[in-house]
Protein backbone atom coordinates (compact mmCIF):
# COMPACT_ATOMS: atom_id res chain seq x y z
CA MET A 1 15.23 24.49 -38.74
CA LYS A 2 16.84 23.80 -42.09
CA ILE A 3 15.05 24.62 -45.33
CA GLU A 4 15.93 22.75 -48.50
CA LYS A 5 15.44 24.49 -51.83
CA THR A 6 14.43 22.76 -55.01
CA VAL A 7 12.50 23.66 -58.15
CA CYS A 8 8.93 22.83 -59.13
CA PRO A 9 8.96 20.04 -61.72
CA TYR A 10 5.98 21.64 -63.47
CA CYS A 11 6.91 25.34 -63.81
CA GLY A 12 10.54 25.59 -62.65
CA ALA A 13 9.85 28.03 -59.79
CA ASN A 14 11.87 27.71 -56.58
CA MET A 15 10.19 25.68 -53.84
CA LYS A 16 11.01 25.68 -50.13
CA ILE A 17 10.83 22.28 -48.45
CA LEU A 18 11.11 21.85 -44.69
CA PRO A 19 12.81 18.78 -43.20
CA GLY A 20 10.35 15.93 -42.74
CA GLN A 21 7.79 17.47 -45.08
CA LYS A 22 5.95 14.85 -47.15
CA HIS A 23 4.04 17.19 -49.51
CA ALA A 24 4.75 20.64 -50.88
CA GLU A 25 2.75 23.11 -52.93
CA CYS A 26 4.33 25.43 -55.45
CA GLU A 27 3.65 29.03 -54.44
CA TYR A 28 3.77 30.08 -58.08
CA CYS A 29 1.65 27.58 -60.04
CA GLY A 30 -0.12 25.78 -57.16
CA SER A 31 1.03 22.29 -58.17
CA SER A 32 1.22 19.71 -55.39
CA VAL A 33 4.40 17.66 -55.12
CA VAL A 34 4.89 14.45 -53.12
CA ILE A 35 8.33 14.26 -51.51
CA THR A 36 9.87 10.78 -51.38
CA GLY A 37 12.94 9.49 -49.61
CA VAL A 38 12.24 11.56 -46.49
CA GLU A 39 13.20 10.20 -43.09
CA SER A 40 10.97 11.33 -40.20
């Protein structure tokens, strides 16, 4: 399993995104992020 790291566009905290994941929630501020361009 590969984990991609990116930052929350709202607060700048690091976010962990798993391959194939379509949504992510920031563990710091709780913002929900839709992930686009993901191949299943």
